[in-house]
Amino acid sequence: ASSRQPTSDYVAAAQRKNRAPRLGFVVDEEKRAQPEVAEHLKEMAARFERAGAQLREVRMPRPMSELLAVRGILCEVEASDLHAHLLKEKPDGYATRIRDLVQVGQLVPGVAYLHAQRLRRRLRPEMEKMLEGLDCLLMPTASDVAPDPSTTGENWYQGVWSLFGFPSISLPSGLSGERLPLAVQLVALPYREDTLLSAAAWAEAVLGPMPSPVP
């Protein structure tokens, strides 16, 4: 409902497991990840390469913090517009984090929102260029292992793709030393969900069944 772009056969794409993908290993944002997560990502990259994937190191065209700052302004203002009426009627129905997001959005100047939208349009071609000659990017899903039930964790590694409309998928890929789930993330170009699902199916076949967190 949000786009007139034609879609391909996603079911068929998810069943194509034979072609090893061309992966871009994003190397300059590892410092954000905890050491165990960063080491696990390197192990997964090596494992995929041994299985036949073509691997190439790539770098973000802009610092992730800059890109997420743009996304933050857009999220705050648009959340404020969407929830302002309900928040006024039922303030107790909102979790503190969401309520704070809406209230901050009410204070963002209109010029800041317009500037953020212009930056998003200007930076998107730079982000697309990262994937030239590649099927997907390979990154962590999160900076740390799975958090406790009180939070969904930090969205550092996902938020930037939402900003530019790049589809992404998270694949369970192992367990930490404390038997907490670890995962890797694949990211494709806008409207290339077929490429993403095909690469994910191949990666799942390489990884095989995951061990249970319960010993």
N, C-alpha and C. Protein backbone atom coordinates (compact mmCIF):
# COMPACT_ATOMS: atom_id res chain seq x y z
N ALA A 1 0.81 -1.21 0.00
CA ALA A 1 0.00 0.00 0.00
C ALA A 1 0.85 1.27 0.00
N SER A 2 2.15 1.15 0.29
CA SER A 2 3.00 2.33 0.38
C SER A 2 3.82 2.58 -0.88
N SER A 3 3.70 1.70 -1.88
CA SER A 3 4.51 1.86 -3.08
C SER A 3 3.81 1.23 -4.29
N ARG A 4 4.02 1.82 -5.45
CA ARG A 4 3.50 1.26 -6.70
C ARG A 4 4.53 0.36 -7.39
N GLN A 5 5.67 0.17 -6.75
CA GLN A 5 6.73 -0.65 -7.33
C GLN A 5 6.25 -2.09 -7.48
N PRO A 6 6.40 -2.71 -8.66
CA PRO A 6 5.97 -4.11 -8.81
C PRO A 6 6.81 -5.04 -7.95
N THR A 7 6.21 -6.10 -7.48
CA THR A 7 6.91 -7.05 -6.62
C THR A 7 7.17 -8.35 -7.39
N SER A 8 8.21 -9.04 -6.97
CA SER A 8 8.54 -10.32 -7.59
C SER A 8 7.95 -11.46 -6.75
N ASP A 9 8.24 -12.68 -7.13
CA ASP A 9 7.74 -13.85 -6.42
C ASP A 9 8.65 -14.13 -5.23
N TYR A 10 8.25 -13.67 -4.06
CA TYR A 10 9.09 -13.80 -2.87
C TYR A 10 9.22 -15.26 -2.42
N VAL A 11 8.15 -16.03 -2.59
CA VAL A 11 8.21 -17.45 -2.19
C VAL A 11 9.24 -18.19 -3.03
N ALA A 12 9.21 -17.94 -4.33
CA ALA A 12 10.18 -18.59 -5.22
C ALA A 12 11.60 -18.14 -4.88
N ALA A 13 11.76 -16.86 -4.56
CA ALA A 13 13.09 -16.34 -4.22
C ALA A 13 13.64 -17.02 -2.97
N ALA A 14 12.76 -17.23 -2.00
CA ALA A 14 13.19 -17.85 -0.74
C ALA A 14 13.56 -19.32 -0.92
N GLN A 15 13.15 -19.91 -2.03
CA GLN A 15 13.45 -21.31 -2.29
C GLN A 15 14.71 -21.49 -3.13
N ARG A 16 15.29 -20.38 -3.61
CA ARG A 16 16.51 -20.46 -4.41
C ARG A 16 17.71 -20.46 -3.47
N LYS A 17 18.28 -21.63 -3.23
CA LYS A 17 19.35 -21.76 -2.25
C LYS A 17 20.69 -22.14 -2.89
N ASN A 18 20.72 -22.25 -4.20
CA ASN A 18 21.90 -22.82 -4.85
C ASN A 18 22.98 -21.81 -5.20
N ARG A 19 22.60 -20.55 -5.42
CA ARG A 19 23.61 -19.58 -5.85
C ARG A 19 24.21 -18.85 -4.65
N ALA A 20 25.51 -18.99 -4.47
CA ALA A 20 26.19 -18.29 -3.38
C ALA A 20 26.17 -16.79 -3.66
N PRO A 21 25.82 -15.97 -2.68
CA PRO A 21 25.69 -14.53 -2.91
C PRO A 21 27.03 -13.80 -2.89
N ARG A 22 27.00 -12.60 -3.40
CA ARG A 22 28.13 -11.67 -3.31
C ARG A 22 27.86 -10.75 -2.12
N LEU A 23 28.69 -10.85 -1.10
CA LEU A 23 28.43 -10.16 0.16
C LEU A 23 29.44 -9.05 0.41
N GLY A 24 28.94 -7.93 0.90
CA GLY A 24 29.80 -6.84 1.33
C GLY A 24 29.94 -6.86 2.84
N PHE A 25 31.15 -7.09 3.31
CA PHE A 25 31.41 -7.16 4.75
C PHE A 25 31.71 -5.74 5.24
N VAL A 26 30.76 -5.17 6.02
CA VAL A 26 30.90 -3.79 6.49
C VAL A 26 31.90 -3.76 7.64
N VAL A 27 33.06 -3.14 7.42
CA VAL A 27 34.17 -3.28 8.36
C VAL A 27 34.35 -2.10 9.32
N ASP A 28 33.71 -0.96 9.07
CA ASP A 28 34.06 0.22 9.86
C ASP A 28 33.10 0.51 11.00
N GLU A 29 32.13 -0.35 11.23
CA GLU A 29 31.22 -0.11 12.35
C GLU A 29 31.31 -1.22 13.40
N GLU A 30 32.36 -2.03 13.33
CA GLU A 30 32.51 -3.12 14.29
C GLU A 30 32.73 -2.62 15.71
N LYS A 31 33.34 -1.43 15.82
CA LYS A 31 33.67 -0.92 17.15
C LYS A 31 32.43 -0.74 18.03
N ARG A 32 31.28 -0.56 17.40
CA ARG A 32 30.04 -0.41 18.15
C ARG A 32 29.61 -1.73 18.79
N ALA A 33 30.01 -2.83 18.18
CA ALA A 33 29.60 -4.15 18.66
C ALA A 33 30.49 -4.61 19.81
N GLN A 34 29.89 -5.39 20.70
CA GLN A 34 30.66 -6.02 21.77
C GLN A 34 31.66 -7.00 21.14
N PRO A 35 32.81 -7.23 21.80
CA PRO A 35 33.84 -8.08 21.20
C PRO A 35 33.34 -9.44 20.76
N GLU A 36 32.47 -10.07 21.54
CA GLU A 36 31.98 -11.40 21.18
C GLU A 36 31.14 -11.34 19.90
N VAL A 37 30.35 -10.27 19.75
CA VAL A 37 29.52 -10.11 18.56
C VAL A 37 30.40 -9.85 17.33
N ALA A 38 31.39 -8.96 17.48
CA ALA A 38 32.29 -8.65 16.37
C ALA A 38 33.06 -9.89 15.92
N GLU A 39 33.54 -10.67 16.87
CA GLU A 39 34.28 -11.89 16.54
C GLU A 39 33.37 -12.90 15.85
N HIS A 40 32.14 -13.00 16.32
CA HIS A 40 31.19 -13.93 15.71
C HIS A 40 30.91 -13.54 14.26
N LEU A 41 30.77 -12.24 14.00
CA LEU A 41 30.52 -11.78 12.64
C LEU A 41 31.67 -12.16 11.71
N LYS A 42 32.91 -12.00 12.18
CA LYS A 42 34.06 -12.38 11.37
C LYS A 42 34.05 -13.88 11.08
N GLU A 43 33.68 -14.67 12.09
CA GLU A 43 33.61 -16.12 11.89
C GLU A 43 32.55 -16.48 10.85
N MET A 44 31.41 -15.79 10.90
CA MET A 44 30.34 -16.07 9.94
C MET A 44 30.76 -15.65 8.53
N ALA A 45 31.45 -14.52 8.42
CA ALA A 45 31.93 -14.08 7.11
C ALA A 45 32.88 -15.11 6.52
N ALA A 46 33.81 -15.62 7.33
CA ALA A 46 34.75 -16.63 6.86
C ALA A 46 34.03 -17.93 6.48
N ARG A 47 33.02 -18.27 7.26
CA ARG A 47 32.26 -19.50 6.98
C ARG A 47 31.51 -19.38 5.66
N PHE A 48 30.89 -18.22 5.42
CA PHE A 48 30.18 -18.02 4.16
C PHE A 48 31.15 -18.03 2.98
N GLU A 49 32.32 -17.45 3.17
CA GLU A 49 33.31 -17.42 2.10
C GLU A 49 33.78 -18.83 1.76
N ARG A 50 34.02 -19.64 2.79
CA ARG A 50 34.43 -21.03 2.55
C ARG A 50 33.35 -21.81 1.80
N ALA A 51 32.08 -21.43 2.03
CA ALA A 51 30.97 -22.13 1.40
C ALA A 51 30.74 -21.66 -0.04
N GLY A 52 31.49 -20.64 -0.48
CA GLY A 52 31.39 -20.21 -1.87
C GLY A 52 30.96 -18.78 -2.09
N ALA A 53 30.58 -18.05 -1.05
CA ALA A 53 30.18 -16.65 -1.22
C ALA A 53 31.38 -15.80 -1.60
N GLN A 54 31.16 -14.82 -2.45
CA GLN A 54 32.19 -13.83 -2.75
C GLN A 54 32.09 -12.73 -1.69
N LEU A 55 33.21 -12.43 -1.06
CA LEU A 55 33.21 -11.48 0.04
C LEU A 55 34.08 -10.28 -0.30
N ARG A 56 33.56 -9.08 -0.06
CA ARG A 56 34.32 -7.87 -0.30
C ARG A 56 34.12 -6.90 0.86
N GLU A 57 35.20 -6.32 1.33
CA GLU A 57 35.08 -5.35 2.42
C GLU A 57 34.55 -4.03 1.88
N VAL A 58 33.58 -3.45 2.59
CA VAL A 58 33.01 -2.16 2.21
C VAL A 58 32.94 -1.27 3.46
N ARG A 59 32.82 0.02 3.22
CA ARG A 59 32.73 0.99 4.32
C ARG A 59 31.52 1.89 4.13
N MET A 60 30.94 2.29 5.24
CA MET A 60 29.82 3.21 5.19
C MET A 60 30.28 4.55 4.62
N PRO A 61 29.48 5.18 3.74
CA PRO A 61 29.90 6.46 3.16
C PRO A 61 29.86 7.61 4.16
N ARG A 62 29.06 7.47 5.20
CA ARG A 62 28.96 8.47 6.26
C ARG A 62 28.96 7.74 7.61
N PRO A 63 29.39 8.40 8.68
CA PRO A 63 29.33 7.75 9.99
C PRO A 63 27.91 7.33 10.34
N MET A 64 27.77 6.17 10.92
CA MET A 64 26.45 5.67 11.28
C MET A 64 25.73 6.63 12.23
N SER A 65 26.48 7.28 13.13
CA SER A 65 25.87 8.21 14.07
C SER A 65 25.20 9.37 13.35
N GLU A 66 25.80 9.83 12.26
CA GLU A 66 25.22 10.93 11.48
C GLU A 66 23.92 10.49 10.81
N LEU A 67 23.93 9.30 10.25
CA LEU A 67 22.74 8.79 9.58
C LEU A 67 21.61 8.56 10.57
N LEU A 68 21.93 8.05 11.74
CA LEU A 68 20.90 7.79 12.73
C LEU A 68 20.36 9.07 13.35
N ALA A 69 21.17 10.13 13.35
CA ALA A 69 20.68 11.43 13.82
C ALA A 69 19.59 11.95 12.88
N VAL A 70 19.79 11.76 11.58
CA VAL A 70 18.76 12.14 10.60
C VAL A 70 17.49 11.33 10.85
N ARG A 71 17.65 10.03 11.02
CA ARG A 71 16.49 9.17 11.28
C ARG A 71 15.78 9.57 12.57
N GLY A 72 16.56 9.94 13.58
CA GLY A 72 15.97 10.30 14.86
C GLY A 72 15.02 11.48 14.74
N ILE A 73 15.42 12.50 14.00
CA ILE A 73 14.57 13.68 13.82
C ILE A 73 13.28 13.30 13.10
N LEU A 74 13.40 12.50 12.04
CA LEU A 74 12.21 12.10 11.29
C LEU A 74 11.27 11.26 12.15
N CYS A 75 11.82 10.35 12.92
CA CYS A 75 10.99 9.49 13.77
C CYS A 75 10.27 10.30 14.84
N GLU A 76 10.99 11.23 15.45
CA GLU A 76 10.38 12.03 16.52
C GLU A 76 9.22 12.86 16.00
N VAL A 77 9.42 13.56 14.87
CA VAL A 77 8.37 14.43 14.34
C VAL A 77 7.18 13.61 13.85
N GLU A 78 7.45 12.52 13.12
CA GLU A 78 6.35 11.74 12.56
C GLU A 78 5.60 10.97 13.65
N ALA A 79 6.30 10.51 14.67
CA ALA A 79 5.63 9.87 15.81
C ALA A 79 4.76 10.88 16.55
N SER A 80 5.25 12.10 16.67
CA SER A 80 4.48 13.15 17.33
C SER A 80 3.18 13.44 16.58
N ASP A 81 3.29 13.51 15.26
CA ASP A 81 2.10 13.77 14.44
C ASP A 81 1.09 12.63 14.55
N LEU A 82 1.59 11.40 14.54
CA LEU A 82 0.71 10.23 14.56
C LEU A 82 0.03 10.04 15.92
N HIS A 83 0.75 10.30 16.99
CA HIS A 83 0.26 9.94 18.33
C HIS A 83 -0.22 11.12 19.17
N ALA A 84 -0.08 12.34 18.70
CA ALA A 84 -0.40 13.50 19.53
C ALA A 84 -1.81 13.44 20.10
N HIS A 85 -2.78 13.10 19.28
CA HIS A 85 -4.18 13.08 19.73
C HIS A 85 -4.41 11.99 20.78
N LEU A 86 -3.91 10.79 20.51
CA LEU A 86 -4.11 9.69 21.46
C LEU A 86 -3.35 9.92 22.76
N LEU A 87 -2.16 10.49 22.65
CA LEU A 87 -1.38 10.76 23.86
C LEU A 87 -2.10 11.72 24.77
N LYS A 88 -2.79 12.69 24.19
CA LYS A 88 -3.53 13.65 25.00
C LYS A 88 -4.72 12.98 25.69
N GLU A 89 -5.34 12.03 24.98
CA GLU A 89 -6.52 11.36 25.54
C GLU A 89 -6.16 10.26 26.53
N LYS A 90 -5.11 9.51 26.25
CA LYS A 90 -4.76 8.34 27.07
C LYS A 90 -3.27 8.32 27.36
N PRO A 91 -2.76 9.29 28.11
CA PRO A 91 -1.31 9.33 28.38
C PRO A 91 -0.79 8.11 29.13
N ASP A 92 -1.64 7.52 29.99
CA ASP A 92 -1.18 6.37 30.78
C ASP A 92 -1.06 5.10 29.94
N GLY A 93 -1.60 5.13 28.73
CA GLY A 93 -1.52 3.96 27.87
C GLY A 93 -0.21 3.84 27.12
N TYR A 94 0.68 4.83 27.30
CA TYR A 94 1.94 4.84 26.58
C TYR A 94 3.11 4.47 27.49
N ALA A 95 3.99 3.64 26.97
CA ALA A 95 5.24 3.36 27.68
C ALA A 95 6.07 4.64 27.73
N THR A 96 6.90 4.77 28.75
CA THR A 96 7.68 5.99 28.94
C THR A 96 8.52 6.34 27.72
N ARG A 97 9.13 5.32 27.12
CA ARG A 97 10.02 5.58 25.99
C ARG A 97 9.26 6.17 24.80
N ILE A 98 8.06 5.64 24.52
CA ILE A 98 7.27 6.14 23.40
C ILE A 98 6.71 7.52 23.72
N ARG A 99 6.27 7.70 24.95
CA ARG A 99 5.74 9.01 25.33
C ARG A 99 6.81 10.09 25.20
N ASP A 100 8.01 9.77 25.63
CA ASP A 100 9.12 10.74 25.51
C ASP A 100 9.41 11.06 24.04
N LEU A 101 9.36 10.03 23.18
CA LEU A 101 9.62 10.23 21.76
C LEU A 101 8.61 11.21 21.16
N VAL A 102 7.34 11.02 21.50
CA VAL A 102 6.27 11.87 20.97
C VAL A 102 6.42 13.30 21.48
N GLN A 103 6.73 13.45 22.75
CA GLN A 103 6.83 14.78 23.33
C GLN A 103 8.05 15.53 22.79
N VAL A 104 9.14 14.84 22.58
CA VAL A 104 10.32 15.48 21.99
C VAL A 104 10.01 15.93 20.56
N GLY A 105 9.28 15.10 19.82
CA GLY A 105 8.93 15.44 18.45
C GLY A 105 8.11 16.71 18.35
N GLN A 106 7.34 17.02 19.38
CA GLN A 106 6.55 18.24 19.37
C GLN A 106 7.41 19.49 19.50
N LEU A 107 8.66 19.33 19.90
CA LEU A 107 9.56 20.47 20.10
C LEU A 107 10.53 20.67 18.94
N VAL A 108 10.57 19.74 17.99
CA VAL A 108 11.52 19.84 16.87
C VAL A 108 11.03 20.90 15.89
N PRO A 109 11.86 21.88 15.55
CA PRO A 109 11.45 22.92 14.58
C PRO A 109 11.18 22.32 13.21
N GLY A 110 10.23 22.89 12.50
CA GLY A 110 9.90 22.41 11.17
C GLY A 110 11.09 22.44 10.22
N VAL A 111 11.95 23.45 10.38
CA VAL A 111 13.10 23.56 9.48
C VAL A 111 14.05 22.38 9.67
N ALA A 112 14.15 21.86 10.90
CA ALA A 112 15.01 20.71 11.16
C ALA A 112 14.46 19.46 10.46
N TYR A 113 13.14 19.31 10.49
CA TYR A 113 12.52 18.17 9.83
C TYR A 113 12.74 18.23 8.31
N LEU A 114 12.56 19.40 7.72
CA LEU A 114 12.77 19.56 6.28
C LEU A 114 14.22 19.29 5.90
N HIS A 115 15.14 19.77 6.74
CA HIS A 115 16.56 19.54 6.47
C HIS A 115 16.89 18.05 6.53
N ALA A 116 16.29 17.34 7.50
CA ALA A 116 16.52 15.90 7.62
C ALA A 116 15.99 15.15 6.39
N GLN A 117 14.85 15.58 5.87
CA GLN A 117 14.30 14.94 4.67
C GLN A 117 15.21 15.18 3.46
N ARG A 118 15.74 16.39 3.35
CA ARG A 118 16.66 16.68 2.24
C ARG A 118 17.92 15.83 2.35
N LEU A 119 18.43 15.68 3.57
CA LEU A 119 19.62 14.86 3.76
C LEU A 119 19.35 13.41 3.39
N ARG A 120 18.18 12.91 3.76
CA ARG A 120 17.84 11.53 3.42
C ARG A 120 17.86 11.33 1.90
N ARG A 121 17.25 12.24 1.17
CA ARG A 121 17.23 12.11 -0.30
C ARG A 121 18.64 12.23 -0.89
N ARG A 122 19.45 13.11 -0.32
CA ARG A 122 20.79 13.34 -0.86
C ARG A 122 21.74 12.18 -0.56
N LEU A 123 21.57 11.55 0.61
CA LEU A 123 22.49 10.50 1.03
C LEU A 123 22.13 9.12 0.48
N ARG A 124 20.89 8.95 0.06
CA ARG A 124 20.47 7.62 -0.38
C ARG A 124 21.32 7.09 -1.54
N PRO A 125 21.64 7.91 -2.57
CA PRO A 125 22.50 7.37 -3.64
C PRO A 125 23.87 6.92 -3.14
N GLU A 126 24.41 7.61 -2.12
CA GLU A 126 25.69 7.19 -1.55
C GLU A 126 25.56 5.82 -0.90
N MET A 127 24.44 5.58 -0.23
CA MET A 127 24.23 4.28 0.40
C MET A 127 24.04 3.18 -0.65
N GLU A 128 23.32 3.50 -1.73
CA GLU A 128 23.11 2.52 -2.78
C GLU A 128 24.44 2.13 -3.45
N LYS A 129 25.36 3.09 -3.53
CA LYS A 129 26.64 2.82 -4.19
C LYS A 129 27.44 1.76 -3.44
N MET A 130 27.22 1.63 -2.13
CA MET A 130 27.90 0.60 -1.35
C MET A 130 27.66 -0.79 -1.92
N LEU A 131 26.50 -1.00 -2.51
CA LEU A 131 26.10 -2.33 -2.97
C LEU A 131 26.38 -2.57 -4.44
N GLU A 132 27.12 -1.69 -5.09
CA GLU A 132 27.47 -1.91 -6.50
C GLU A 132 28.25 -3.23 -6.65
N GLY A 133 27.75 -4.12 -7.50
CA GLY A 133 28.41 -5.40 -7.72
C GLY A 133 28.18 -6.41 -6.61
N LEU A 134 27.27 -6.10 -5.67
CA LEU A 134 26.99 -7.00 -4.54
C LEU A 134 25.51 -7.34 -4.50
N ASP A 135 25.21 -8.45 -3.83
CA ASP A 135 23.82 -8.81 -3.57
C ASP A 135 23.33 -8.25 -2.24
N CYS A 136 24.17 -8.39 -1.22
CA CYS A 136 23.76 -7.97 0.12
C CYS A 136 24.97 -7.48 0.91
N LEU A 137 24.69 -6.72 1.94
CA LEU A 137 25.68 -6.38 2.96
C LEU A 137 25.55 -7.37 4.11
N LEU A 138 26.65 -7.62 4.78
CA LEU A 138 26.67 -8.50 5.95
C LEU A 138 27.09 -7.68 7.16
N MET A 139 26.23 -7.65 8.18
CA MET A 139 26.47 -6.85 9.38
C MET A 139 25.94 -7.60 10.61
N PRO A 140 26.27 -7.11 11.80
CA PRO A 140 25.59 -7.65 12.98
C PRO A 140 24.12 -7.26 12.96
N THR A 141 23.29 -8.03 13.60
CA THR A 141 21.90 -7.61 13.82
C THR A 141 21.82 -6.63 14.98
N ALA A 142 22.58 -6.89 16.01
CA ALA A 142 22.59 -6.05 17.21
C ALA A 142 24.01 -5.96 17.73
N SER A 143 24.26 -4.98 18.57
CA SER A 143 25.62 -4.77 19.08
C SER A 143 25.98 -5.73 20.20
N ASP A 144 24.98 -6.41 20.77
CA ASP A 144 25.25 -7.33 21.87
C ASP A 144 24.34 -8.54 21.71
N VAL A 145 24.49 -9.48 22.62
CA VAL A 145 23.64 -10.67 22.60
C VAL A 145 22.20 -10.27 22.93
N ALA A 146 21.28 -11.22 22.83
CA ALA A 146 19.87 -10.96 23.09
C ALA A 146 19.68 -10.36 24.49
N PRO A 147 18.91 -9.25 24.60
CA PRO A 147 18.72 -8.61 25.90
C PRO A 147 17.66 -9.32 26.73
N ASP A 148 17.45 -8.84 27.95
CA ASP A 148 16.39 -9.40 28.79
C ASP A 148 15.03 -8.89 28.27
N PRO A 149 13.92 -9.45 28.76
CA PRO A 149 12.61 -9.12 28.21
C PRO A 149 12.15 -7.67 28.41
N SER A 150 12.88 -6.89 29.17
CA SER A 150 12.44 -5.51 29.44
C SER A 150 12.70 -4.57 28.26
N THR A 151 13.42 -5.02 27.26
CA THR A 151 13.77 -4.15 26.13
C THR A 151 13.95 -4.97 24.87
N THR A 152 13.79 -4.32 23.73
CA THR A 152 14.08 -4.98 22.46
C THR A 152 15.53 -4.77 22.06
N GLY A 153 16.29 -4.02 22.88
CA GLY A 153 17.69 -3.78 22.59
C GLY A 153 17.91 -2.55 21.73
N GLU A 154 19.15 -2.30 21.41
CA GLU A 154 19.54 -1.13 20.63
C GLU A 154 19.32 -1.37 19.14
N ASN A 155 18.79 -0.36 18.44
CA ASN A 155 18.51 -0.54 17.01
C ASN A 155 19.56 0.11 16.12
N TRP A 156 20.75 0.26 16.63
CA TRP A 156 21.84 0.92 15.92
C TRP A 156 22.06 0.34 14.52
N TYR A 157 22.06 -0.98 14.41
CA TYR A 157 22.40 -1.63 13.15
C TYR A 157 21.19 -1.81 12.22
N GLN A 158 19.99 -1.50 12.69
CA GLN A 158 18.82 -1.65 11.83
C GLN A 158 18.22 -0.32 11.39
N GLY A 159 18.27 0.68 12.27
CA GLY A 159 17.58 1.94 12.01
C GLY A 159 17.99 2.63 10.73
N VAL A 160 19.27 2.54 10.39
CA VAL A 160 19.75 3.24 9.21
C VAL A 160 19.12 2.67 7.93
N TRP A 161 18.82 1.38 7.91
CA TRP A 161 18.22 0.78 6.71
C TRP A 161 16.76 1.17 6.58
N SER A 162 16.07 1.32 7.70
CA SER A 162 14.70 1.83 7.65
C SER A 162 14.67 3.25 7.09
N LEU A 163 15.67 4.04 7.44
CA LEU A 163 15.75 5.43 6.97
C LEU A 163 15.77 5.50 5.45
N PHE A 164 16.51 4.61 4.80
CA PHE A 164 16.69 4.69 3.36
C PHE A 164 15.84 3.68 2.58
N GLY A 165 15.04 2.87 3.28
CA GLY A 165 14.18 1.92 2.59
C GLY A 165 14.88 0.69 2.06
N PHE A 166 15.99 0.29 2.71
CA PHE A 166 16.70 -0.93 2.31
C PHE A 166 16.11 -2.11 3.09
N PRO A 167 15.65 -3.16 2.41
CA PRO A 167 15.15 -4.32 3.15
C PRO A 167 16.29 -5.07 3.83
N SER A 168 16.02 -5.60 4.99
CA SER A 168 17.04 -6.36 5.73
C SER A 168 16.39 -7.55 6.41
N ILE A 169 17.21 -8.52 6.75
CA ILE A 169 16.70 -9.73 7.41
C ILE A 169 17.74 -10.20 8.42
N SER A 170 17.25 -10.69 9.54
CA SER A 170 18.13 -11.20 10.59
C SER A 170 18.10 -12.72 10.60
N LEU A 171 19.29 -13.33 10.65
CA LEU A 171 19.39 -14.78 10.63
C LEU A 171 20.03 -15.28 11.93
N PRO A 172 19.35 -16.11 12.70
CA PRO A 172 20.01 -16.74 13.84
C PRO A 172 21.26 -17.47 13.38
N SER A 173 22.37 -17.24 14.08
CA SER A 173 23.63 -17.78 13.57
C SER A 173 24.49 -18.45 14.63
N GLY A 174 24.01 -18.55 15.86
CA GLY A 174 24.80 -19.24 16.88
C GLY A 174 24.43 -18.79 18.28
N LEU A 175 25.23 -19.23 19.23
CA LEU A 175 25.02 -18.90 20.64
C LEU A 175 26.29 -18.28 21.22
N SER A 176 26.08 -17.38 22.16
CA SER A 176 27.22 -16.78 22.86
C SER A 176 27.78 -17.77 23.88
N GLY A 177 28.83 -17.36 24.56
CA GLY A 177 29.41 -18.21 25.60
C GLY A 177 28.44 -18.50 26.72
N GLU A 178 27.45 -17.60 26.91
CA GLU A 178 26.42 -17.81 27.93
C GLU A 178 25.16 -18.43 27.34
N ARG A 179 25.28 -18.95 26.12
CA ARG A 179 24.17 -19.60 25.41
C ARG A 179 23.01 -18.66 25.15
N LEU A 180 23.33 -17.41 24.83
CA LEU A 180 22.33 -16.44 24.39
C LEU A 180 22.40 -16.32 22.87
N PRO A 181 21.26 -16.10 22.20
CA PRO A 181 21.25 -16.11 20.73
C PRO A 181 22.09 -14.99 20.12
N LEU A 182 22.79 -15.35 19.06
CA LEU A 182 23.52 -14.41 18.22
C LEU A 182 22.91 -14.45 16.82
N ALA A 183 23.07 -13.36 16.07
CA ALA A 183 22.49 -13.31 14.73
C ALA A 183 23.34 -12.42 13.84
N VAL A 184 23.20 -12.64 12.53
CA VAL A 184 23.80 -11.76 11.54
C VAL A 184 22.67 -11.15 10.70
N GLN A 185 22.96 -10.03 10.07
CA GLN A 185 21.97 -9.31 9.29
C GLN A 185 22.43 -9.19 7.84
N LEU A 186 21.52 -9.44 6.92
CA LEU A 186 21.76 -9.20 5.50
C LEU A 186 20.92 -8.01 5.06
N VAL A 187 21.48 -7.16 4.20
CA VAL A 187 20.81 -5.94 3.74
C VAL A 187 20.93 -5.87 2.23
N ALA A 188 19.81 -5.59 1.54
CA ALA A 188 19.81 -5.49 0.08
C ALA A 188 19.34 -4.10 -0.35
N LEU A 189 19.43 -3.84 -1.64
CA LEU A 189 18.98 -2.57 -2.19
C LEU A 189 17.46 -2.44 -2.11
N PRO A 190 16.95 -1.22 -2.12
CA PRO A 190 15.49 -1.03 -2.10
C PRO A 190 14.79 -1.82 -3.20
N TYR A 191 13.69 -2.46 -2.82
CA TYR A 191 12.86 -3.25 -3.72
C TYR A 191 13.53 -4.52 -4.24
N ARG A 192 14.63 -4.93 -3.59
CA ARG A 192 15.28 -6.18 -3.98
C ARG A 192 15.09 -7.24 -2.90
N GLU A 193 13.86 -7.35 -2.44
CA GLU A 193 13.56 -8.39 -1.45
C GLU A 193 13.81 -9.78 -2.01
N ASP A 194 13.64 -9.95 -3.33
CA ASP A 194 13.91 -11.26 -3.92
C ASP A 194 15.37 -11.65 -3.76
N THR A 195 16.27 -10.70 -4.02
CA THR A 195 17.71 -10.96 -3.83
C THR A 195 18.02 -11.25 -2.37
N LEU A 196 17.41 -10.49 -1.48
CA LEU A 196 17.64 -10.67 -0.04
C LEU A 196 17.18 -12.04 0.42
N LEU A 197 15.98 -12.44 0.03
CA LEU A 197 15.44 -13.72 0.47
C LEU A 197 16.24 -14.90 -0.10
N SER A 198 16.70 -14.75 -1.33
CA SER A 198 17.51 -15.81 -1.93
C SER A 198 18.83 -15.96 -1.19
N ALA A 199 19.49 -14.82 -0.87
CA ALA A 199 20.75 -14.86 -0.13
C ALA A 199 20.55 -15.43 1.27
N ALA A 200 19.42 -15.05 1.90
CA ALA A 200 19.14 -15.54 3.25
C ALA A 200 18.90 -17.05 3.24
N ALA A 201 18.20 -17.55 2.21
CA ALA A 201 17.95 -18.99 2.12
C ALA A 201 19.26 -19.75 1.95
N TRP A 202 20.14 -19.20 1.12
CA TRP A 202 21.46 -19.83 0.96
C TRP A 202 22.22 -19.84 2.28
N ALA A 203 22.23 -18.70 2.97
CA ALA A 203 22.96 -18.60 4.24
C ALA A 203 22.39 -19.55 5.29
N GLU A 204 21.06 -19.66 5.33
CA GLU A 204 20.44 -20.59 6.28
C GLU A 204 20.87 -22.02 6.01
N ALA A 205 20.95 -22.38 4.73
CA ALA A 205 21.37 -23.73 4.37
C ALA A 205 22.81 -23.98 4.80
N VAL A 206 23.67 -22.96 4.68
CA VAL A 206 25.07 -23.09 5.10
C VAL A 206 25.16 -23.23 6.61
N LEU A 207 24.36 -22.44 7.33
CA LEU A 207 24.43 -22.44 8.79
C LEU A 207 23.84 -23.72 9.39
N GLY A 208 22.80 -24.25 8.75
CA GLY A 208 22.17 -25.45 9.27
C GLY A 208 21.34 -25.16 10.51
N PRO A 209 20.79 -26.20 11.14
CA PRO A 209 19.96 -26.01 12.34
C PRO A 209 20.76 -25.36 13.46
N MET A 210 20.11 -24.47 14.18
CA MET A 210 20.78 -23.79 15.29
C MET A 210 20.69 -24.63 16.57
N PRO A 211 21.73 -24.57 17.40
CA PRO A 211 21.67 -25.27 18.69
C PRO A 211 20.65 -24.62 19.62
N SER A 212 20.11 -25.39 20.49
CA SER A 212 19.13 -24.86 21.45
C SER A 212 19.86 -24.08 22.55
N PRO A 213 19.30 -22.91 22.97
CA PRO A 213 19.89 -22.19 24.10
C PRO A 213 19.84 -23.00 25.40
N VAL A 214 18.90 -23.92 25.48
CA VAL A 214 18.77 -24.75 26.69
C VAL A 214 19.68 -25.96 26.53
N PRO A 215 20.68 -26.10 27.40
CA PRO A 215 21.62 -27.23 27.26
C PRO A 215 20.94 -28.57 27.50
